[in-house]
Amino acid sequence: MPRLVLLQGGQATPYEIGEAEFVLGRLPECDIQLQSSMVSRKHARVIRDGGNFVFEDLGSGNGTFVNGKRIEAPVALQHDDRIKVGPILLRFESDDPSAVSKPTLSETDAFNLDVTSDDASSTIMGAVGAAGTFGMLDAQPQAKLKAVLEISRAVVGTLDTEKLLPKVLDSLFEIFPHADRGCILLRDETSGRMVPRAIKHRRSTDDDSVKISRTSLQQVLENKQAILSADAASDSRFRASESISSLTIRSMMCVPLLSLAGEPLGVINIDTQNPLAQFKKDDLELMVTVAGQAALSYESARLMVSHVEKQKQDAEMDIARRVQHALLPDEMPQIPGYEFFATYEAAQAVGGDYYDIVMLRDGRIGIAFGDVAGKGVPASLVMSRLSSAVRNIIEYVSDAADAVTRLNNHMCAKAVEGRFVTFILALLDPKKNKLSVVNAGHMSPLIRRASGEVVEFDDSTVGVPLGVVEGFEYQAVERKLEPQDTIVIYTDGVSEAMNPNSELYTIERLQSFVHQSTLSPAGLGPAIREDVKQHAAGRPQNDDITMFVFGRV
C-alpha cells in the first residue's frame, strides 16, 4: 500500500495512505500529527484518485516543498518524492517502486539536517586553526582543562561510537549552556560524503531540523579551520543572502574533528538563537580543544572496536586452522618395506594445499596431493571440498584415471571462477610394488633411484587441472618401484620459496638436493624442508609449503 514515511530524529516511521484524503498538520485529528511550531494546524494533504496521488498545500504559513521546490498548486506524487512540511521531512513510497528510478534519501534526510548553499563568505566571521590535538592550550588553560575533563568523564568506557557521539554533544551543551542545537557529521569511508551521526536540541519543542551552511562546512574541511559566525542573520553583508536569512542562526561554531594524522574525520557544529548570548572567539578556541578531545576519544573507541574485532577474527581463523588440519591424516601408514613422510605449512592461518592417505579395501594405498590456485580462506574452502570429494570417490573407484575424471567433474560443478586445483592421485600396491599415477596439471613428482639418478614422469601424461574442463579424460602412468626408489611430490611453495634478495629456491636446486641425498624417505623429507628454510634465511613464506615423500627402503 502507498505510504508516507516520516523521517525524523534518525528514524523512519511509515504511515499508510488508506483514505481518499490524507491530512498532515499539528492538530491531533490529522492523519499524521506533526509536532512543530512551524507546522500549521492543517498544513497539507494527499488526495487519492484511483492509483494516482496528489499533494496539496492547505494555505500553510511556512509553505510546503516537494523535491526542494515550494508548491503553489497541487502536484502529482511519484515514488521516492521528498516532501518538506515546515522543518519536517517525509518520503512518498508508491505501490510500484520500480516505476521511477530516483536516488533514495540519505541519512541526512533521516536526521532532518539541511546543508544549505549560500554566498561564498556567508556566516564566516572568524576562524581559528585547528592544528594539533587540543588547539592552543596557552589560551584559557583552566577552561580548556575543565572542558577536556568534562568530555573525558562523559565518554570514559564507551566503545560504541554510536553512543559516544551523543555523549559528546551532551557535554558540549554543559560546556556551552547557551547552545540551542548541535550536530556531529562524520565522513563516510566508502562514499566520502559527510553523514550526520548525532543531533541534539536543548528544548524538545524546538524545530527538529538542524541547518549548516555549505560554505562553512567546506571551509572547515578544506582548511582544517574552526569557524565562527556571530549574529549572521542581522549582519549587513548577508542581507542579500536568502539562505542565511532562512537559517535564523544568531551565532554558530563549526569545528573540524581531526584524526591523529591531521586529516578531517568530520565536524562538530553548534549554534544558538539567543541574540544576547553570541559565541565569541574565546568560545571558538575552547570548542577547538573540546573537538580535539572528542576526536581522540572517537578514534580510540574506533581503534578499540577494530582491535576487538581483529581478536575475534583471529580466534575464528585459529578454529578454521585447526579444522583444516583435522582434514589431514593423523599418522603415516606402517607398511613393511616402505616409509612415508608429509609436511604442510600454510603461508597464512589457513591454506589451499592438500594431501591425504586412504587405505583401500584391496590393500592398496591411495595418495592424494593437491594445490588450490591462490591461498588463504578462499583456497581453504576449495581444499575442504576437495578433501571430501576425494574420500567419497577413491574408496569406491578402483581405477586411478576413472577416479580423477569423476573428481574433476565434481569440481567443475558449481566451480568458483579462477579456483582450479592442480592434483596428483597415486595408487600404491605395496604387495606388488606397483604405482599408478594420474597428474592433473601438477608439477611432475621426482623419482630418485637407488643410483641417485633423479627422473620425472613424462609431461605428455599431464592432464588439465581439476575444475577447468568438465568431461576431460585423464590417463594413468604405471611404474614398478625398485628397492630404494623414492618419490617426492611437492607444491610450488617449495620451488618458489624466496630469500631476502627475492631469489627462488628453484626446481633445479631441489633436484640437485634429492640427487645428492642418501637418506631414506622418512629422512629425506625433513632434510628438504630444512634446506628450504636455510635458503629463505628468515624471509616469511609467500606461499603454502607442502611435501609428500614415500618409497621403498
Protein backbone atom coordinates (compact mmCIF):
# COMPACT_ATOMS: atom_id res chain seq x y z
CA MET A 1 0.00 0.00 0.00
CA PRO A 2 1.26 3.56 -0.77
CA ARG A 3 2.59 5.40 2.26
CA LEU A 4 4.30 8.49 3.58
CA VAL A 5 7.47 7.83 5.57
CA LEU A 6 8.22 10.36 8.32
CA LEU A 7 11.98 10.98 8.60
CA GLN A 8 12.64 12.45 12.00
CA GLY A 9 15.10 12.01 14.84
CA GLY A 10 17.15 9.43 12.94
CA GLN A 11 14.10 7.16 12.47
CA ALA A 12 11.79 6.36 9.56
CA THR A 13 8.11 5.97 10.53
CA PRO A 14 5.71 4.78 7.78
CA TYR A 15 2.03 5.89 7.50
CA GLU A 16 -0.14 4.03 5.01
CA ILE A 17 -2.41 6.17 2.84
CA GLY A 18 -5.72 4.37 3.05
CA GLU A 19 -8.24 7.22 2.72
CA ALA A 20 -9.19 9.41 -0.23
CA GLU A 21 -7.90 12.44 1.73
CA PHE A 22 -4.84 12.20 3.98
CA VAL A 23 -4.12 15.33 6.07
CA LEU A 24 -0.85 16.41 7.68
CA GLY A 25 -0.73 19.07 10.40
CA ARG A 26 -0.37 19.97 14.05
CA LEU A 27 -3.92 19.05 15.12
CA PRO A 28 -4.48 15.67 16.80
CA GLU A 29 -7.20 14.73 14.30
CA CYS A 30 -4.76 14.92 11.36
CA ASP A 31 -3.74 11.61 9.80
CA ILE A 32 -0.13 12.49 10.58
CA GLN A 33 0.28 14.84 13.55
CA LEU A 34 3.49 16.84 13.24
CA GLN A 35 4.78 18.36 16.48
CA SER A 36 6.43 21.60 15.39
CA SER A 37 5.55 25.25 15.85
CA MET A 38 6.47 25.80 12.19
CA VAL A 39 3.71 23.41 11.02
CA SER A 40 0.19 24.80 10.56
CA ARG A 41 -2.80 23.17 12.22
CA LYS A 42 -3.85 21.68 8.89
CA HIS A 43 -0.77 22.13 6.79
CA ALA A 44 -1.12 19.92 3.69
CA ARG A 45 -2.92 16.87 2.36
CA VAL A 46 -2.64 13.92 -0.02
CA ILE A 47 -5.60 13.37 -2.35
CA ARG A 48 -6.04 9.85 -3.72
CA ASP A 49 -7.61 9.47 -7.16
CA GLY A 50 -7.58 5.80 -8.10
CA GLY A 51 -3.93 4.86 -8.40
CA ASN A 52 -2.72 8.47 -8.53
CA PHE A 53 -1.76 10.67 -5.58
CA VAL A 54 -1.73 14.47 -5.50
CA PHE A 55 -0.06 16.58 -2.80
CA GLU A 56 -1.57 19.98 -1.91
CA ASP A 57 -0.61 22.78 0.49
CA LEU A 58 -3.59 23.99 2.59
CA GLY A 59 -2.52 27.63 2.86
CA SER A 60 0.18 26.99 5.47
CA GLY A 61 2.22 29.84 6.90
CA ASN A 62 5.67 28.34 6.21
CA GLY A 63 4.88 26.57 2.95
CA THR A 64 5.25 23.03 1.63
CA PHE A 65 8.09 21.76 -0.55
CA VAL A 66 8.28 18.78 -2.90
CA ASN A 67 11.77 17.77 -4.05
CA GLY A 68 13.13 21.10 -2.80
CA LYS A 69 10.60 23.32 -4.62
CA ARG A 70 7.81 25.20 -2.89
CA ILE A 71 4.45 24.18 -4.32
CA GLU A 72 1.80 26.76 -5.12
CA ALA A 73 -0.65 24.31 -6.72
CA PRO A 74 -1.38 20.58 -6.29
CA VAL A 75 1.38 18.33 -7.67
CA ALA A 76 1.29 14.64 -8.61
CA LEU A 77 3.48 12.48 -6.39
CA GLN A 78 5.92 9.89 -7.71
CA HIS A 79 7.78 7.15 -5.87
CA ASP A 80 10.60 8.46 -3.65
CA ASP A 81 9.47 12.10 -3.87
CA ARG A 82 10.86 14.15 -0.97
CA ILE A 83 8.33 16.28 0.89
CA LYS A 84 9.09 19.01 3.41
CA VAL A 85 6.32 20.28 5.69
CA GLY A 86 7.73 23.17 7.68
CA PRO A 87 11.00 21.75 9.06
CA ILE A 88 9.88 18.11 8.84
CA LEU A 89 10.83 15.73 6.05
CA LEU A 90 8.80 12.87 4.57
CA ARG A 91 9.20 10.46 1.68
CA PHE A 92 6.41 9.15 -0.56
CA GLU A 93 6.53 5.46 -1.47
CA SER A 94 4.22 4.12 -4.16
CA ASP A 95 2.97 0.58 -4.86
CA ASP A 96 5.44 0.26 -7.74
CA PRO A 97 8.93 1.34 -6.62
CA SER A 98 10.45 0.18 -9.92
CA ALA A 99 8.38 2.62 -11.91
CA VAL A 100 10.66 5.56 -11.12
CA SER A 101 14.42 5.34 -10.75
CA LYS A 102 15.40 8.02 -8.26
CA PRO A 103 18.14 8.14 -5.66
CA THR A 104 16.80 7.33 -2.22
CA LEU A 105 17.11 9.81 0.61
CA SER A 106 20.35 9.75 2.50
CA GLU A 107 20.95 9.58 6.22
CA THR A 108 20.94 13.37 6.13
CA ASP A 109 17.19 13.25 5.48
CA ALA A 110 16.55 10.78 8.29
CA PHE A 111 18.34 13.08 10.72
CA ASN A 112 16.45 16.12 9.36
CA LEU A 113 19.65 18.01 8.57
CA ASP A 114 19.82 20.72 5.92
CA VAL A 115 23.12 21.63 4.28
CA THR A 116 22.22 24.88 2.52
CA SER A 117 24.07 26.77 -0.19
CA ASP A 118 24.91 30.42 0.38
CA ASP A 119 27.21 33.26 -0.56
CA ALA A 120 30.91 32.39 -0.63
CA SER A 121 31.67 34.39 2.52
CA SER A 122 28.39 33.82 4.32
CA THR A 123 28.29 33.14 8.08
CA ILE A 124 32.09 33.14 8.44
CA MET A 125 33.01 35.90 10.91
CA GLY A 126 36.21 34.44 12.32
CA ALA A 127 38.44 31.40 12.07
CA VAL A 128 40.91 29.56 14.29
CA GLY A 129 43.41 26.97 13.11
CA ALA A 130 42.62 23.52 14.45
CA ALA A 131 46.12 22.05 14.05
CA GLY A 132 47.17 19.88 16.97
CA THR A 133 45.05 17.67 19.14
CA PHE A 134 43.90 20.24 21.68
CA GLY A 135 44.35 23.57 19.92
CA MET A 136 46.09 26.48 21.68
CA LEU A 137 46.45 25.42 25.30
CA ASP A 138 48.18 28.66 26.31
CA ALA A 139 44.84 30.50 25.98
CA GLN A 140 42.21 29.85 28.67
CA PRO A 141 44.14 26.88 30.12
CA GLN A 142 41.78 26.46 33.09
CA ALA A 143 38.63 26.47 30.97
CA LYS A 144 40.17 24.14 28.42
CA LEU A 145 41.37 21.67 31.02
CA LYS A 146 37.90 21.65 32.56
CA ALA A 147 36.34 21.04 29.13
CA VAL A 148 38.74 18.20 28.36
CA LEU A 149 37.96 16.58 31.72
CA GLU A 150 34.24 17.02 31.08
CA ILE A 151 34.44 15.24 27.73
CA SER A 152 36.73 12.53 29.15
CA ARG A 153 34.34 11.79 32.03
CA ALA A 154 31.39 11.66 29.67
CA VAL A 155 32.86 9.15 27.23
CA VAL A 156 35.07 7.04 29.52
CA GLY A 157 34.49 3.34 28.95
CA THR A 158 32.31 3.95 25.87
CA LEU A 159 33.43 1.79 22.93
CA ASP A 160 30.23 2.06 20.88
CA THR A 161 30.78 5.06 18.60
CA GLU A 162 27.02 5.41 18.11
CA LYS A 163 26.65 6.01 21.86
CA LEU A 164 29.83 8.06 22.21
CA LEU A 165 28.87 10.87 19.83
CA PRO A 166 25.59 11.80 21.60
CA LYS A 167 27.55 11.91 24.86
CA VAL A 168 29.96 14.39 23.25
CA LEU A 169 27.01 16.64 22.34
CA ASP A 170 25.61 16.33 25.87
CA SER A 171 28.96 17.52 27.23
CA LEU A 172 29.07 20.42 24.77
CA PHE A 173 25.69 21.60 25.97
CA GLU A 174 27.09 21.58 29.53
CA ILE A 175 30.20 23.50 28.49
CA PHE A 176 28.20 25.98 26.37
CA PRO A 177 24.91 26.50 28.31
CA HIS A 178 23.58 28.94 25.68
CA ALA A 179 23.89 26.40 22.82
CA ASP A 180 20.48 25.52 21.32
CA ARG A 181 21.30 22.95 18.66
CA GLY A 182 24.24 20.75 17.78
CA CYS A 183 25.23 18.02 15.39
CA ILE A 184 28.22 15.83 14.54
CA LEU A 185 28.93 14.82 10.94
CA LEU A 186 31.48 12.15 10.03
CA ARG A 187 32.98 11.30 6.68
CA ASP A 188 31.69 8.05 5.19
CA GLU A 189 34.72 5.91 4.28
CA THR A 190 33.03 4.46 1.21
CA SER A 191 31.39 7.46 -0.44
CA GLY A 192 33.47 10.25 1.13
CA ARG A 193 30.26 12.16 1.96
CA MET A 194 29.68 13.89 5.27
CA VAL A 195 26.97 11.94 7.09
CA PRO A 196 25.19 13.13 10.29
CA ARG A 197 25.80 10.72 13.16
CA ALA A 198 24.34 12.65 16.13
CA ILE A 199 21.94 15.59 16.59
CA LYS A 200 20.78 17.31 19.77
CA HIS A 201 18.31 20.11 20.68
CA ARG A 202 18.20 21.75 24.09
CA ARG A 203 14.40 22.03 24.07
CA SER A 204 12.11 19.31 22.77
CA THR A 205 9.70 21.94 21.44
CA ASP A 206 12.34 23.37 19.11
CA ASP A 207 12.28 22.99 15.36
CA ASP A 208 13.58 19.46 14.85
CA SER A 209 15.83 20.43 11.94
CA VAL A 210 19.49 21.47 12.15
CA LYS A 211 20.92 23.62 9.37
CA ILE A 212 24.54 24.06 8.34
CA SER A 213 25.96 26.47 5.77
CA ARG A 214 27.62 24.58 2.92
CA THR A 215 30.27 27.32 2.66
CA SER A 216 31.10 26.95 6.33
CA LEU A 217 31.30 23.17 6.04
CA GLN A 218 33.61 23.32 3.04
CA GLN A 219 35.96 25.83 4.68
CA VAL A 220 36.18 23.78 7.85
CA LEU A 221 37.05 20.60 5.95
CA GLU A 222 39.33 22.06 3.29
CA ASN A 223 41.29 24.48 5.52
CA LYS A 224 41.04 22.41 8.73
CA GLN A 225 39.90 25.57 10.49
CA ALA A 226 37.32 26.18 13.16
CA ILE A 227 34.97 28.99 12.11
CA LEU A 228 32.66 31.36 13.99
CA SER A 229 29.51 33.15 12.81
CA ALA A 230 28.48 35.98 15.08
CA ASP A 231 24.87 37.15 14.54
CA ALA A 232 24.98 36.24 10.86
CA ALA A 233 21.28 36.82 10.23
CA SER A 234 21.49 40.55 11.01
CA ASP A 235 24.92 41.26 9.55
CA SER A 236 24.75 43.72 6.64
CA ARG A 237 26.96 41.52 4.49
CA PHE A 238 24.28 38.81 4.44
CA ARG A 239 21.18 40.84 3.71
CA ALA A 240 21.20 39.66 0.10
CA SER A 241 21.68 36.02 1.07
CA GLU A 242 18.30 34.32 1.12
CA SER A 243 19.70 31.11 2.60
CA ILE A 244 21.30 32.94 5.52
CA SER A 245 18.06 34.73 6.29
CA SER A 246 16.22 31.44 6.35
CA LEU A 247 18.74 29.92 8.75
CA THR A 248 17.80 32.29 11.60
CA ILE A 249 21.10 31.46 13.30
CA ARG A 250 22.28 34.17 15.69
CA SER A 251 25.62 32.52 16.38
CA MET A 252 27.30 29.34 15.16
CA MET A 253 30.58 27.47 15.64
CA CYS A 254 31.78 24.72 13.30
CA VAL A 255 34.97 22.84 14.19
CA PRO A 256 36.79 20.00 12.41
CA LEU A 257 37.39 16.66 14.07
CA LEU A 258 40.98 15.82 13.15
CA SER A 259 42.48 12.34 13.17
CA LEU A 260 45.90 11.60 14.67
CA ALA A 261 47.27 12.04 11.15
CA GLY A 262 45.75 15.52 10.99
CA GLU A 263 43.07 14.66 8.44
CA PRO A 264 39.39 15.66 8.94
CA LEU A 265 37.24 12.85 10.29
CA GLY A 266 34.19 15.11 10.38
CA VAL A 267 32.87 18.26 12.06
CA ILE A 268 31.05 19.40 15.18
CA ASN A 269 28.55 22.21 14.70
CA ILE A 270 26.65 24.04 17.45
CA ASP A 271 24.53 27.19 17.27
CA THR A 272 22.43 29.46 19.42
CA GLN A 273 19.40 31.53 18.50
CA ASN A 274 19.79 33.79 21.54
CA PRO A 275 20.86 37.25 20.26
CA LEU A 276 22.14 38.11 23.76
CA ALA A 277 24.42 35.09 24.03
CA GLN A 278 26.53 35.09 20.92
CA PHE A 279 29.59 32.87 20.70
CA LYS A 280 32.94 34.70 20.99
CA LYS A 281 36.44 33.90 19.79
CA ASP A 282 37.28 32.56 23.26
CA ASP A 283 34.37 30.12 22.87
CA LEU A 284 35.73 29.05 19.48
CA GLU A 285 39.17 28.32 20.96
CA LEU A 286 37.51 26.34 23.73
CA MET A 287 35.47 24.47 21.11
CA VAL A 288 38.69 23.53 19.28
CA THR A 289 40.03 21.99 22.48
CA VAL A 290 36.81 20.07 23.05
CA ALA A 291 36.82 18.85 19.43
CA GLY A 292 40.41 17.66 19.83
CA GLN A 293 39.48 15.52 22.84
CA ALA A 294 36.29 14.32 21.13
CA ALA A 295 38.24 13.28 18.02
CA LEU A 296 40.80 11.48 20.17
CA SER A 297 38.06 9.66 22.09
CA TYR A 298 36.30 8.72 18.85
CA GLU A 299 39.49 7.39 17.24
CA SER A 300 40.39 5.48 20.42
CA ALA A 301 36.94 3.89 20.51
CA ARG A 302 37.10 3.03 16.84
CA LEU A 303 40.58 1.52 17.19
CA MET A 304 39.48 -0.46 20.23
CA VAL A 305 36.45 -1.80 18.35
CA SER A 306 38.76 -2.68 15.46
CA HIS A 307 41.15 -4.41 17.88
CA VAL A 308 38.34 -6.43 19.47
CA GLU A 309 37.03 -7.37 16.03
CA LYS A 310 40.55 -8.39 14.97
CA GLN A 311 40.88 -10.59 18.07
CA LYS A 312 37.55 -12.21 17.20
CA GLN A 313 38.66 -12.81 13.62
CA ASP A 314 41.98 -14.24 14.82
CA ALA A 315 40.12 -16.63 17.13
CA GLU A 316 37.86 -17.72 14.28
CA MET A 317 40.84 -18.18 11.96
CA ASP A 318 42.55 -20.28 14.61
CA ILE A 319 39.47 -22.50 14.75
CA ALA A 320 39.49 -22.70 10.93
CA ARG A 321 43.18 -23.64 11.02
CA ARG A 322 42.50 -26.48 13.47
CA VAL A 323 39.54 -27.68 11.39
CA GLN A 324 41.67 -27.71 8.26
CA HIS A 325 44.49 -29.61 9.96
CA ALA A 326 41.91 -32.12 11.17
CA LEU A 327 41.25 -32.93 7.49
CA LEU A 328 44.87 -34.07 7.09
CA PRO A 329 45.97 -37.60 8.08
CA ASP A 330 46.83 -38.04 11.76
CA GLU A 331 49.63 -40.53 11.04
CA MET A 332 51.51 -42.20 8.20
CA PRO A 333 50.88 -45.84 7.20
CA GLN A 334 53.08 -48.50 8.75
CA ILE A 335 53.84 -50.78 5.78
CA PRO A 336 56.80 -53.20 5.89
CA GLY A 337 59.44 -52.16 3.35
CA TYR A 338 58.04 -48.62 2.90
CA GLU A 339 58.46 -45.22 4.56
CA PHE A 340 56.18 -42.18 4.32
CA PHE A 341 56.68 -38.53 5.26
CA ALA A 342 54.40 -35.48 4.82
CA THR A 343 54.61 -31.82 5.84
CA TYR A 344 52.11 -28.99 5.49
CA GLU A 345 52.80 -25.33 6.36
CA ALA A 346 50.28 -22.66 5.30
CA ALA A 347 51.54 -19.16 4.48
CA GLN A 348 48.51 -17.77 6.32
CA ALA A 349 46.30 -19.20 9.08
CA VAL A 350 44.70 -21.49 6.51
CA GLY A 351 45.82 -22.50 3.06
CA GLY A 352 44.94 -24.23 -0.18
CA ASP A 353 47.47 -27.08 -0.23
CA TYR A 354 46.22 -30.59 0.44
CA TYR A 355 47.34 -34.17 0.91
CA ASP A 356 45.62 -37.32 2.14
CA ILE A 357 46.23 -41.05 2.51
CA VAL A 358 43.39 -43.53 2.14
CA MET A 359 43.77 -47.22 2.95
CA LEU A 360 41.70 -49.05 0.31
CA ARG A 361 39.83 -52.31 0.80
CA ASP A 362 42.00 -54.27 -1.65
CA GLY A 363 45.18 -53.41 0.29
CA ARG A 364 46.31 -50.59 -1.95
CA ILE A 365 47.11 -47.12 -0.60
CA GLY A 366 45.58 -44.01 -2.16
CA ILE A 367 47.81 -40.93 -2.01
CA ALA A 368 46.07 -37.66 -2.96
CA PHE A 369 48.02 -34.41 -3.30
CA GLY A 370 46.70 -31.02 -4.49
CA ASP A 371 47.33 -27.29 -4.67
CA VAL A 372 44.36 -24.90 -4.99
CA ALA A 373 45.02 -21.74 -7.00
CA GLY A 374 45.50 -18.89 -4.52
CA LYS A 375 45.84 -19.05 -0.78
CA GLY A 376 44.08 -18.03 2.41
CA VAL A 377 40.41 -18.54 3.23
CA PRO A 378 39.01 -18.89 -0.34
CA ALA A 379 41.59 -21.56 -1.19
CA SER A 380 40.98 -23.36 2.11
CA LEU A 381 37.27 -23.66 1.36
CA VAL A 382 38.01 -25.26 -2.01
CA MET A 383 40.55 -27.51 -0.29
CA SER A 384 37.86 -28.67 2.15
CA ARG A 385 35.52 -29.51 -0.71
CA LEU A 386 38.30 -31.40 -2.50
CA SER A 387 39.10 -33.41 0.65
CA SER A 388 35.51 -34.57 0.99
CA ALA A 389 35.23 -35.45 -2.70
CA VAL A 390 38.46 -37.48 -2.72
CA ARG A 391 37.33 -39.58 0.22
CA ASN A 392 33.92 -40.24 -1.34
CA ILE A 393 35.32 -41.26 -4.74
CA ILE A 394 38.55 -43.22 -4.40
CA GLU A 395 37.17 -45.62 -1.80
CA TYR A 396 34.68 -46.88 -4.40
CA VAL A 397 36.51 -46.37 -7.73
CA SER A 398 39.37 -48.81 -8.29
CA ASP A 399 40.90 -47.21 -11.41
CA ALA A 400 43.03 -44.10 -10.76
CA ALA A 401 42.22 -42.39 -14.09
CA ASP A 402 38.49 -43.00 -13.67
CA ALA A 403 38.64 -41.64 -10.10
CA VAL A 404 40.33 -38.40 -11.19
CA THR A 405 37.88 -37.98 -14.07
CA ARG A 406 34.95 -38.24 -11.65
CA LEU A 407 36.70 -35.91 -9.22
CA ASN A 408 37.23 -33.33 -11.97
CA ASN A 409 33.55 -33.44 -12.99
CA HIS A 410 32.58 -32.92 -9.35
CA MET A 411 34.89 -29.89 -9.00
CA CYS A 412 33.63 -28.42 -12.30
CA ALA A 413 30.07 -28.44 -10.97
CA LYS A 414 29.48 -25.07 -9.28
CA ALA A 415 33.16 -24.21 -9.72
CA VAL A 416 34.34 -20.83 -8.47
CA GLU A 417 35.97 -18.81 -11.25
CA GLY A 418 39.77 -18.89 -11.03
CA ARG A 419 39.83 -21.55 -8.26
CA PHE A 420 41.18 -24.56 -10.14
CA VAL A 421 43.24 -27.30 -8.45
CA THR A 422 46.45 -28.95 -9.62
CA PHE A 423 46.24 -32.52 -8.37
CA ILE A 424 48.02 -35.87 -8.24
CA LEU A 425 46.45 -39.20 -7.36
CA ALA A 426 48.80 -42.14 -6.79
CA LEU A 427 47.58 -45.68 -6.06
CA LEU A 428 50.34 -47.74 -4.43
CA ASP A 429 50.18 -51.55 -4.32
CA PRO A 430 52.77 -52.42 -1.64
CA LYS A 431 52.41 -56.16 -2.29
CA LYS A 432 53.28 -55.92 -5.99
CA ASN A 433 55.41 -52.76 -5.56
CA LYS A 434 53.45 -51.04 -8.32
CA LEU A 435 52.46 -47.41 -8.55
CA SER A 436 49.68 -45.92 -10.72
CA VAL A 437 49.87 -42.12 -11.03
CA VAL A 438 47.42 -39.59 -12.55
CA ASN A 439 48.62 -35.99 -12.86
CA ALA A 440 46.01 -33.21 -13.28
CA GLY A 441 48.11 -30.16 -14.07
CA HIS A 442 50.58 -30.51 -11.17
CA MET A 443 54.38 -30.45 -11.29
CA SER A 444 55.77 -33.87 -12.05
CA PRO A 445 56.86 -35.85 -8.97
CA LEU A 446 60.61 -36.50 -8.64
CA ILE A 447 61.76 -40.12 -8.60
CA ARG A 448 65.18 -40.85 -7.07
CA ARG A 449 66.58 -44.25 -7.96
CA ALA A 450 68.99 -46.29 -5.90
CA SER A 451 71.83 -44.97 -8.08
CA GLY A 452 70.95 -41.36 -7.16
CA GLU A 453 69.55 -40.57 -10.60
CA VAL A 454 66.53 -38.24 -10.47
CA VAL A 455 63.84 -38.63 -13.16
CA GLU A 456 60.34 -37.27 -13.71
CA PHE A 457 57.19 -38.61 -15.33
CA ASP A 458 56.65 -37.78 -18.98
CA ASP A 459 54.99 -34.34 -19.41
CA SER A 460 52.74 -35.76 -22.13
CA THR A 461 50.83 -37.66 -19.45
CA VAL A 462 49.90 -34.48 -17.54
CA GLY A 463 46.22 -33.52 -17.86
CA VAL A 464 44.40 -30.25 -17.16
CA PRO A 465 43.87 -29.08 -13.55
CA LEU A 466 40.67 -30.05 -11.76
CA GLY A 467 37.73 -27.69 -12.18
CA VAL A 468 38.72 -26.39 -15.64
CA VAL A 469 37.31 -28.71 -18.34
CA GLU A 470 34.37 -30.90 -17.48
CA GLY A 471 34.43 -34.37 -19.05
CA PHE A 472 38.23 -34.40 -19.55
CA GLU A 473 39.60 -37.96 -19.62
CA TYR A 474 42.81 -38.47 -17.67
CA GLN A 475 45.34 -41.25 -18.15
CA ALA A 476 47.30 -43.16 -15.55
CA VAL A 477 51.01 -43.95 -15.73
CA GLU A 478 52.11 -47.31 -14.26
CA ARG A 479 55.52 -47.75 -12.67
CA LYS A 480 57.23 -50.55 -10.72
CA LEU A 481 59.07 -49.37 -7.59
CA GLU A 482 62.51 -50.90 -7.09
CA PRO A 483 64.28 -51.05 -3.70
CA GLN A 484 65.45 -47.57 -2.58
CA ASP A 485 63.20 -45.80 -5.13
CA THR A 486 61.87 -42.61 -3.52
CA ILE A 487 59.01 -40.40 -4.78
CA VAL A 488 58.96 -36.66 -3.90
CA ILE A 489 55.71 -34.76 -4.52
CA TYR A 490 55.78 -31.02 -3.72
CA THR A 491 53.93 -27.74 -4.30
CA ASP A 492 55.38 -24.57 -5.81
CA GLY A 493 55.72 -23.17 -2.29
CA VAL A 494 58.89 -25.31 -2.14
CA SER A 495 60.45 -24.48 -5.51
CA GLU A 496 59.41 -20.79 -5.36
CA ALA A 497 60.46 -20.09 -1.76
CA MET A 498 62.37 -16.80 -1.76
CA ASN A 499 65.25 -15.43 0.30
CA PRO A 500 65.62 -11.75 1.39
CA ASN A 501 67.12 -10.99 -2.07
CA SER A 502 63.96 -12.39 -3.75
CA GLU A 503 65.92 -15.31 -5.20
CA LEU A 504 63.90 -18.51 -5.76
CA TYR A 505 64.81 -21.89 -4.34
CA THR A 506 64.12 -23.37 -7.83
CA ILE A 507 63.29 -26.86 -9.07
CA GLU A 508 66.93 -27.31 -10.13
CA ARG A 509 68.15 -26.88 -6.55
CA LEU A 510 65.51 -29.31 -5.31
CA GLN A 511 66.56 -31.89 -7.93
CA SER A 512 70.21 -31.44 -7.01
CA PHE A 513 69.50 -31.86 -3.30
CA VAL A 514 67.45 -35.02 -3.90
CA HIS A 515 70.19 -36.38 -6.18
CA GLN A 516 72.96 -35.86 -3.60
CA SER A 517 70.98 -37.19 -0.64
CA THR A 518 71.43 -40.75 0.58
CA LEU A 519 68.64 -40.53 3.16
CA SER A 520 65.63 -42.80 3.28
CA PRO A 521 62.18 -41.27 2.52
CA ALA A 522 61.48 -40.57 6.20
CA GLY A 523 64.76 -38.62 6.45
CA LEU A 524 64.77 -37.01 3.00
CA GLY A 525 61.53 -35.05 3.56
CA PRO A 526 62.71 -33.18 6.71
CA ALA A 527 66.11 -32.57 5.09
CA ILE A 528 64.48 -30.87 2.07
CA ARG A 529 62.33 -28.74 4.39
CA GLU A 530 65.41 -27.65 6.36
CA ASP A 531 67.26 -26.75 3.15
CA VAL A 532 64.31 -24.61 2.02
CA LYS A 533 64.34 -22.80 5.38
CA GLN A 534 68.06 -22.14 5.12
CA HIS A 535 67.54 -20.67 1.66
CA ALA A 536 64.70 -18.42 2.87
CA ALA A 537 67.00 -17.09 5.65
CA GLY A 538 64.12 -15.83 7.75
CA ARG A 539 62.01 -14.37 4.95
CA PRO A 540 58.28 -15.09 5.59
CA GLN A 541 56.58 -17.64 3.35
CA ASN A 542 54.94 -16.23 0.27
CA ASP A 543 53.03 -19.45 -0.44
CA ASP A 544 51.92 -22.67 1.25
CA ILE A 545 54.70 -25.26 1.56
CA THR A 546 53.62 -28.91 1.29
CA MET A 547 55.56 -32.10 0.52
CA PHE A 548 54.84 -35.81 0.42
CA VAL A 549 57.79 -38.22 0.28
CA PHE A 550 57.49 -42.02 0.19
CA GLY A 551 59.34 -45.02 -1.18
CA ARG A 552 60.87 -48.46 -0.68
CA VAL A 553 63.66 -48.99 1.82
